[in-house]
Structures are given as C-alpha cells and as structure tokens.
Amino acid sequence: MSRKGNCWDNAAQESFSGYMKDEIDISGCQTFGEVKAVIDDGMDYYNNGRYQ
C-alpha cells in the first residue's frame, strides 16, 4: 500500500492540513485551552458541518 515516493498515500492528510492552515485562525488565542477549543471546533465543522 505505502511505497516510497507514492504521493497519493498522504493526500487526505495534506488536504486536511491545507484546510486547517486556511480556515482556522489561532492568532487571537492567549492560552493553550483556547487554541485547543478553536482547533476542536474546526475539526468538528470539517467532519460534520461542511458540505462533502
């Protein structure tokens, strides 16, 4: 399944990482708890709320 140099192996993770970088803004967070809450909300929306 996973071969060296096979770019399709991690396409799903790269897509999700791109979404996280573009859509989630953690610049206003002051504590780790706030960052965790923002990321959790973003992941919940990505998995359950967005049009798929």
PDB file of N, CA and C in Angstrom:
ATOM      1  N   MET A   1       0.817  -1.186   0.000  1.00  0.00           N
ATOM      2  CA  MET A   1       0.000   0.000   0.000  1.00  0.00           C
ATOM      3  C   MET A   1       0.867   1.257   0.000  1.00  0.00           C
ATOM      4  N   SER A   2       1.725   1.394   0.963  1.00  0.00           N
ATOM      5  CA  SER A   2       2.533   2.593   1.053  1.00  0.00           C
ATOM      6  C   SER A   2       3.912   2.327   0.470  1.00  0.00           C
ATOM      7  N   ARG A   3       4.213   3.037  -0.591  1.00  0.00           N
ATOM      8  CA  ARG A   3       5.511   2.874  -1.240  1.00  0.00           C
ATOM      9  C   ARG A   3       6.267   4.187  -1.170  1.00  0.00           C
ATOM     10  N   LYS A   4       7.558   4.103  -1.223  1.00  0.00           N
ATOM     11  CA  LYS A   4       8.382   5.296  -1.217  1.00  0.00           C
ATOM     12  C   LYS A   4       8.121   6.097  -2.487  1.00  0.00           C
ATOM     13  N   GLY A   5       7.866   7.382  -2.329  1.00  0.00           N
ATOM     14  CA  GLY A   5       7.642   8.244  -3.476  1.00  0.00           C
ATOM     15  C   GLY A   5       6.228   8.218  -4.023  1.00  0.00           C
ATOM     16  N   ASN A   6       5.295   7.556  -3.339  1.00  0.00           N
ATOM     17  CA  ASN A   6       3.902   7.497  -3.794  1.00  0.00           C
ATOM     18  C   ASN A   6       3.149   8.678  -3.171  1.00  0.00           C
ATOM     19  N   CYS A   7       2.878   9.692  -3.977  1.00  0.00           N
ATOM     20  CA  CYS A   7       2.292  10.929  -3.446  1.00  0.00           C
ATOM     21  C   CYS A   7       0.835  10.770  -3.039  1.00  0.00           C
ATOM     22  N   TRP A   8       0.152   9.727  -3.466  1.00  0.00           N
ATOM     23  CA  TRP A   8      -1.271   9.579  -3.142  1.00  0.00           C
ATOM     24  C   TRP A   8      -1.488   9.001  -1.756  1.00  0.00           C
ATOM     25  N   ASP A   9      -0.451   8.492  -1.128  1.00  0.00           N
ATOM     26  CA  ASP A   9      -0.612   7.889   0.199  1.00  0.00           C
ATOM     27  C   ASP A   9      -1.056   8.898   1.251  1.00  0.00           C
ATOM     28  N   ASN A  10      -0.576  10.123   1.171  1.00  0.00           N
ATOM     29  CA  ASN A  10      -0.904  11.086   2.201  1.00  0.00           C
ATOM     30  C   ASN A  10      -1.778  12.231   1.680  1.00  0.00           C
ATOM     31  N   ALA A  11      -2.501  12.012   0.605  1.00  0.00           N
ATOM     32  CA  ALA A  11      -3.315  13.074   0.006  1.00  0.00           C
ATOM     33  C   ALA A  11      -4.430  13.541   0.947  1.00  0.00           C
ATOM     34  N   ALA A  12      -5.046  12.627   1.655  1.00  0.00           N
ATOM     35  CA  ALA A  12      -6.138  13.010   2.564  1.00  0.00           C
ATOM     36  C   ALA A  12      -5.616  13.877   3.706  1.00  0.00           C
ATOM     37  N   GLN A  13      -4.480  13.508   4.275  1.00  0.00           N
ATOM     38  CA  GLN A  13      -3.900  14.299   5.366  1.00  0.00           C
ATOM     39  C   GLN A  13      -3.449  15.665   4.856  1.00  0.00           C
ATOM     40  N   GLU A  14      -2.870  15.730   3.679  1.00  0.00           N
ATOM     41  CA  GLU A  14      -2.438  17.010   3.118  1.00  0.00           C
ATOM     42  C   GLU A  14      -3.633  17.924   2.864  1.00  0.00           C
ATOM     43  N   SER A  15      -4.745  17.354   2.413  1.00  0.00           N
ATOM     44  CA  SER A  15      -5.956  18.134   2.179  1.00  0.00           C
ATOM     45  C   SER A  15      -6.469  18.732   3.492  1.00  0.00           C
ATOM     46  N   PHE A  16      -6.510  17.927   4.537  1.00  0.00           N
ATOM     47  CA  PHE A  16      -6.976  18.402   5.829  1.00  0.00           C
ATOM     48  C   PHE A  16      -6.037  19.466   6.391  1.00  0.00           C
ATOM     49  N   SER A  17      -4.735  19.258   6.258  1.00  0.00           N
ATOM     50  CA  SER A  17      -3.772  20.239   6.755  1.00  0.00           C
ATOM     51  C   SER A  17      -3.917  21.563   6.023  1.00  0.00           C
ATOM     52  N   GLY A  18      -4.169  21.505   4.726  1.00  0.00           N
ATOM     53  CA  GLY A  18      -4.391  22.726   3.963  1.00  0.00           C
ATOM     54  C   GLY A  18      -5.624  23.465   4.436  1.00  0.00           C
ATOM     55  N   TYR A  19      -6.681  22.733   4.733  1.00  0.00           N
ATOM     56  CA  TYR A  19      -7.901  23.341   5.271  1.00  0.00           C
ATOM     57  C   TYR A  19      -7.600  24.026   6.600  1.00  0.00           C
ATOM     58  N   MET A  20      -6.899  23.327   7.487  1.00  0.00           N
ATOM     59  CA  MET A  20      -6.595  23.880   8.802  1.00  0.00           C
ATOM     60  C   MET A  20      -5.809  25.186   8.673  1.00  0.00           C
ATOM     61  N   LYS A  21      -4.826  25.223   7.790  1.00  0.00           N
ATOM     62  CA  LYS A  21      -3.999  26.418   7.630  1.00  0.00           C
ATOM     63  C   LYS A  21      -4.801  27.585   7.058  1.00  0.00           C
ATOM     64  N   ASP A  22      -5.746  27.307   6.174  1.00  0.00           N
ATOM     65  CA  ASP A  22      -6.511  28.359   5.517  1.00  0.00           C
ATOM     66  C   ASP A  22      -7.687  28.870   6.348  1.00  0.00           C
ATOM     67  N   GLU A  23      -8.368  28.011   7.055  1.00  0.00           N
ATOM     68  CA  GLU A  23      -9.644  28.356   7.668  1.00  0.00           C
ATOM     69  C   GLU A  23      -9.593  28.650   9.161  1.00  0.00           C
ATOM     70  N   ILE A  24      -8.628  28.119   9.872  1.00  0.00           N
ATOM     71  CA  ILE A  24      -8.603  28.268  11.321  1.00  0.00           C
ATOM     72  C   ILE A  24      -7.594  29.348  11.701  1.00  0.00           C
ATOM     73  N   ASP A  25      -8.067  30.332  12.479  1.00  0.00           N
ATOM     74  CA  ASP A  25      -7.220  31.450  12.912  1.00  0.00           C
ATOM     75  C   ASP A  25      -7.010  31.369  14.421  1.00  0.00           C
ATOM     76  N   ILE A  26      -5.787  31.097  14.821  1.00  0.00           N
ATOM     77  CA  ILE A  26      -5.483  30.998  16.247  1.00  0.00           C
ATOM     78  C   ILE A  26      -4.660  32.187  16.736  1.00  0.00           C
ATOM     79  N   SER A  27      -4.569  33.236  15.941  1.00  0.00           N
ATOM     80  CA  SER A  27      -3.727  34.373  16.313  1.00  0.00           C
ATOM     81  C   SER A  27      -4.261  35.130  17.532  1.00  0.00           C
ATOM     82  N   GLY A  28      -5.549  35.065  17.789  1.00  0.00           N
ATOM     83  CA  GLY A  28      -6.114  35.780  18.922  1.00  0.00           C
ATOM     84  C   GLY A  28      -6.137  34.982  20.213  1.00  0.00           C
ATOM     85  N   CYS A  29      -5.659  33.752  20.169  1.00  0.00           N
ATOM     86  CA  CYS A  29      -5.690  32.895  21.355  1.00  0.00           C
ATOM     87  C   CYS A  29      -4.556  33.250  22.306  1.00  0.00           C
ATOM     88  N   GLN A  30      -4.870  33.229  23.605  1.00  0.00           N
ATOM     89  CA  GLN A  30      -3.901  33.558  24.639  1.00  0.00           C
ATOM     90  C   GLN A  30      -3.381  32.320  25.376  1.00  0.00           C
ATOM     91  N   THR A  31      -4.203  31.284  25.476  1.00  0.00           N
ATOM     92  CA  THR A  31      -3.820  30.095  26.233  1.00  0.00           C
ATOM     93  C   THR A  31      -3.943  28.850  25.365  1.00  0.00           C
ATOM     94  N   PHE A  32      -3.332  27.782  25.857  1.00  0.00           N
ATOM     95  CA  PHE A  32      -3.416  26.506  25.161  1.00  0.00           C
ATOM     96  C   PHE A  32      -4.859  26.016  25.077  1.00  0.00           C
ATOM     97  N   GLY A  33      -5.631  26.240  26.113  1.00  0.00           N
ATOM     98  CA  GLY A  33      -7.033  25.823  26.120  1.00  0.00           C
ATOM     99  C   GLY A  33      -7.839  26.496  25.018  1.00  0.00           C
ATOM    100  N   GLU A  34      -7.569  27.771  24.778  1.00  0.00           N
ATOM    101  CA  GLU A  34      -8.260  28.484  23.702  1.00  0.00           C
ATOM    102  C   GLU A  34      -7.876  27.920  22.334  1.00  0.00           C
ATOM    103  N   VAL A  35      -6.588  27.637  22.152  1.00  0.00           N
ATOM    104  CA  VAL A  35      -6.128  27.050  20.891  1.00  0.00           C
ATOM    105  C   VAL A  35      -6.783  25.696  20.674  1.00  0.00           C
ATOM    106  N   LYS A  36      -6.825  24.887  21.720  1.00  0.00           N
ATOM    107  CA  LYS A  36      -7.445  23.565  21.622  1.00  0.00           C
ATOM    108  C   LYS A  36      -8.923  23.673  21.266  1.00  0.00           C
ATOM    109  N   ALA A  37      -9.625  24.628  21.867  1.00  0.00           N
ATOM    110  CA  ALA A  37     -11.050  24.809  21.588  1.00  0.00           C
ATOM    111  C   ALA A  37     -11.277  25.231  20.136  1.00  0.00           C
ATOM    112  N   VAL A  38     -10.452  26.140  19.625  1.00  0.00           N
ATOM    113  CA  VAL A  38     -10.596  26.594  18.239  1.00  0.00           C
ATOM    114  C   VAL A  38     -10.327  25.439  17.273  1.00  0.00           C
ATOM    115  N   ILE A  39      -9.289  24.661  17.542  1.00  0.00           N
ATOM    116  CA  ILE A  39      -8.963  23.527  16.671  1.00  0.00           C
ATOM    117  C   ILE A  39     -10.051  22.460  16.750  1.00  0.00           C
ATOM    118  N   ASP A  40     -10.550  22.180  17.946  1.00  0.00           N
ATOM    119  CA  ASP A  40     -11.636  21.201  18.093  1.00  0.00           C
ATOM    120  C   ASP A  40     -12.884  21.633  17.328  1.00  0.00           C
ATOM    121  N   ASP A  41     -13.228  22.920  17.413  1.00  0.00           N
ATOM    122  CA  ASP A  41     -14.386  23.428  16.669  1.00  0.00           C
ATOM    123  C   ASP A  41     -14.166  23.298  15.167  1.00  0.00           C
ATOM    124  N   GLY A  42     -12.959  23.604  14.711  1.00  0.00           N
ATOM    125  CA  GLY A  42     -12.644  23.484  13.288  1.00  0.00           C
ATOM    126  C   GLY A  42     -12.704  22.054  12.805  1.00  0.00           C
ATOM    127  N   MET A  43     -12.203  21.131  13.612  1.00  0.00           N
ATOM    128  CA  MET A  43     -12.255  19.717  13.230  1.00  0.00           C
ATOM    129  C   MET A  43     -13.688  19.199  13.211  1.00  0.00           C
ATOM    130  N   ASP A  44     -14.492  19.639  14.185  1.00  0.00           N
ATOM    131  CA  ASP A  44     -15.896  19.224  14.217  1.00  0.00           C
ATOM    132  C   ASP A  44     -16.626  19.720  12.975  1.00  0.00           C
ATOM    133  N   TYR A  45     -16.376  20.966  12.590  1.00  0.00           N
ATOM    134  CA  TYR A  45     -17.006  21.504  11.385  1.00  0.00           C
ATOM    135  C   TYR A  45     -16.524  20.738  10.144  1.00  0.00           C
ATOM    136  N   TYR A  46     -15.230  20.459  10.073  1.00  0.00           N
ATOM    137  CA  TYR A  46     -14.673  19.748   8.914  1.00  0.00           C
ATOM    138  C   TYR A  46     -15.299  18.360   8.774  1.00  0.00           C
ATOM    139  N   ASN A  47     -15.509  17.689   9.900  1.00  0.00           N
ATOM    140  CA  ASN A  47     -16.036  16.320   9.861  1.00  0.00           C
ATOM    141  C   ASN A  47     -17.550  16.244   9.753  1.00  0.00           C
ATOM    142  N   ASN A  48     -18.260  17.229  10.325  1.00  0.00           N
ATOM    143  CA  ASN A  48     -19.719  17.106  10.437  1.00  0.00           C
ATOM    144  C   ASN A  48     -20.513  18.211   9.785  1.00  0.00           C
ATOM    145  N   GLY A  49     -19.971  19.398   9.653  1.00  0.00           N
ATOM    146  CA  GLY A  49     -20.773  20.543   9.238  1.00  0.00           C
ATOM    147  C   GLY A  49     -20.640  20.960   7.794  1.00  0.00           C
ATOM    148  N   ARG A  50     -19.472  20.774   7.208  1.00  0.00           N
ATOM    149  CA  ARG A  50     -19.259  21.275   5.841  1.00  0.00           C
ATOM    150  C   ARG A  50     -19.926  20.370   4.810  1.00  0.00           C
ATOM    151  N   TYR A  51     -20.167  20.946   3.649  1.00  0.00           N
ATOM    152  CA  TYR A  51     -20.723  20.174   2.543  1.00  0.00           C
ATOM    153  C   TYR A  51     -19.649  19.245   1.999  1.00  0.00           C
ATOM    154  N   GLN A  52     -19.969  17.970   1.937  1.00  0.00           N
ATOM    155  CA  GLN A  52     -18.978  16.981   1.496  1.00  0.00           C
ATOM    156  C   GLN A  52     -19.379  16.356   0.190  1.00  0.00           C
TER     157      GLN A  52
END
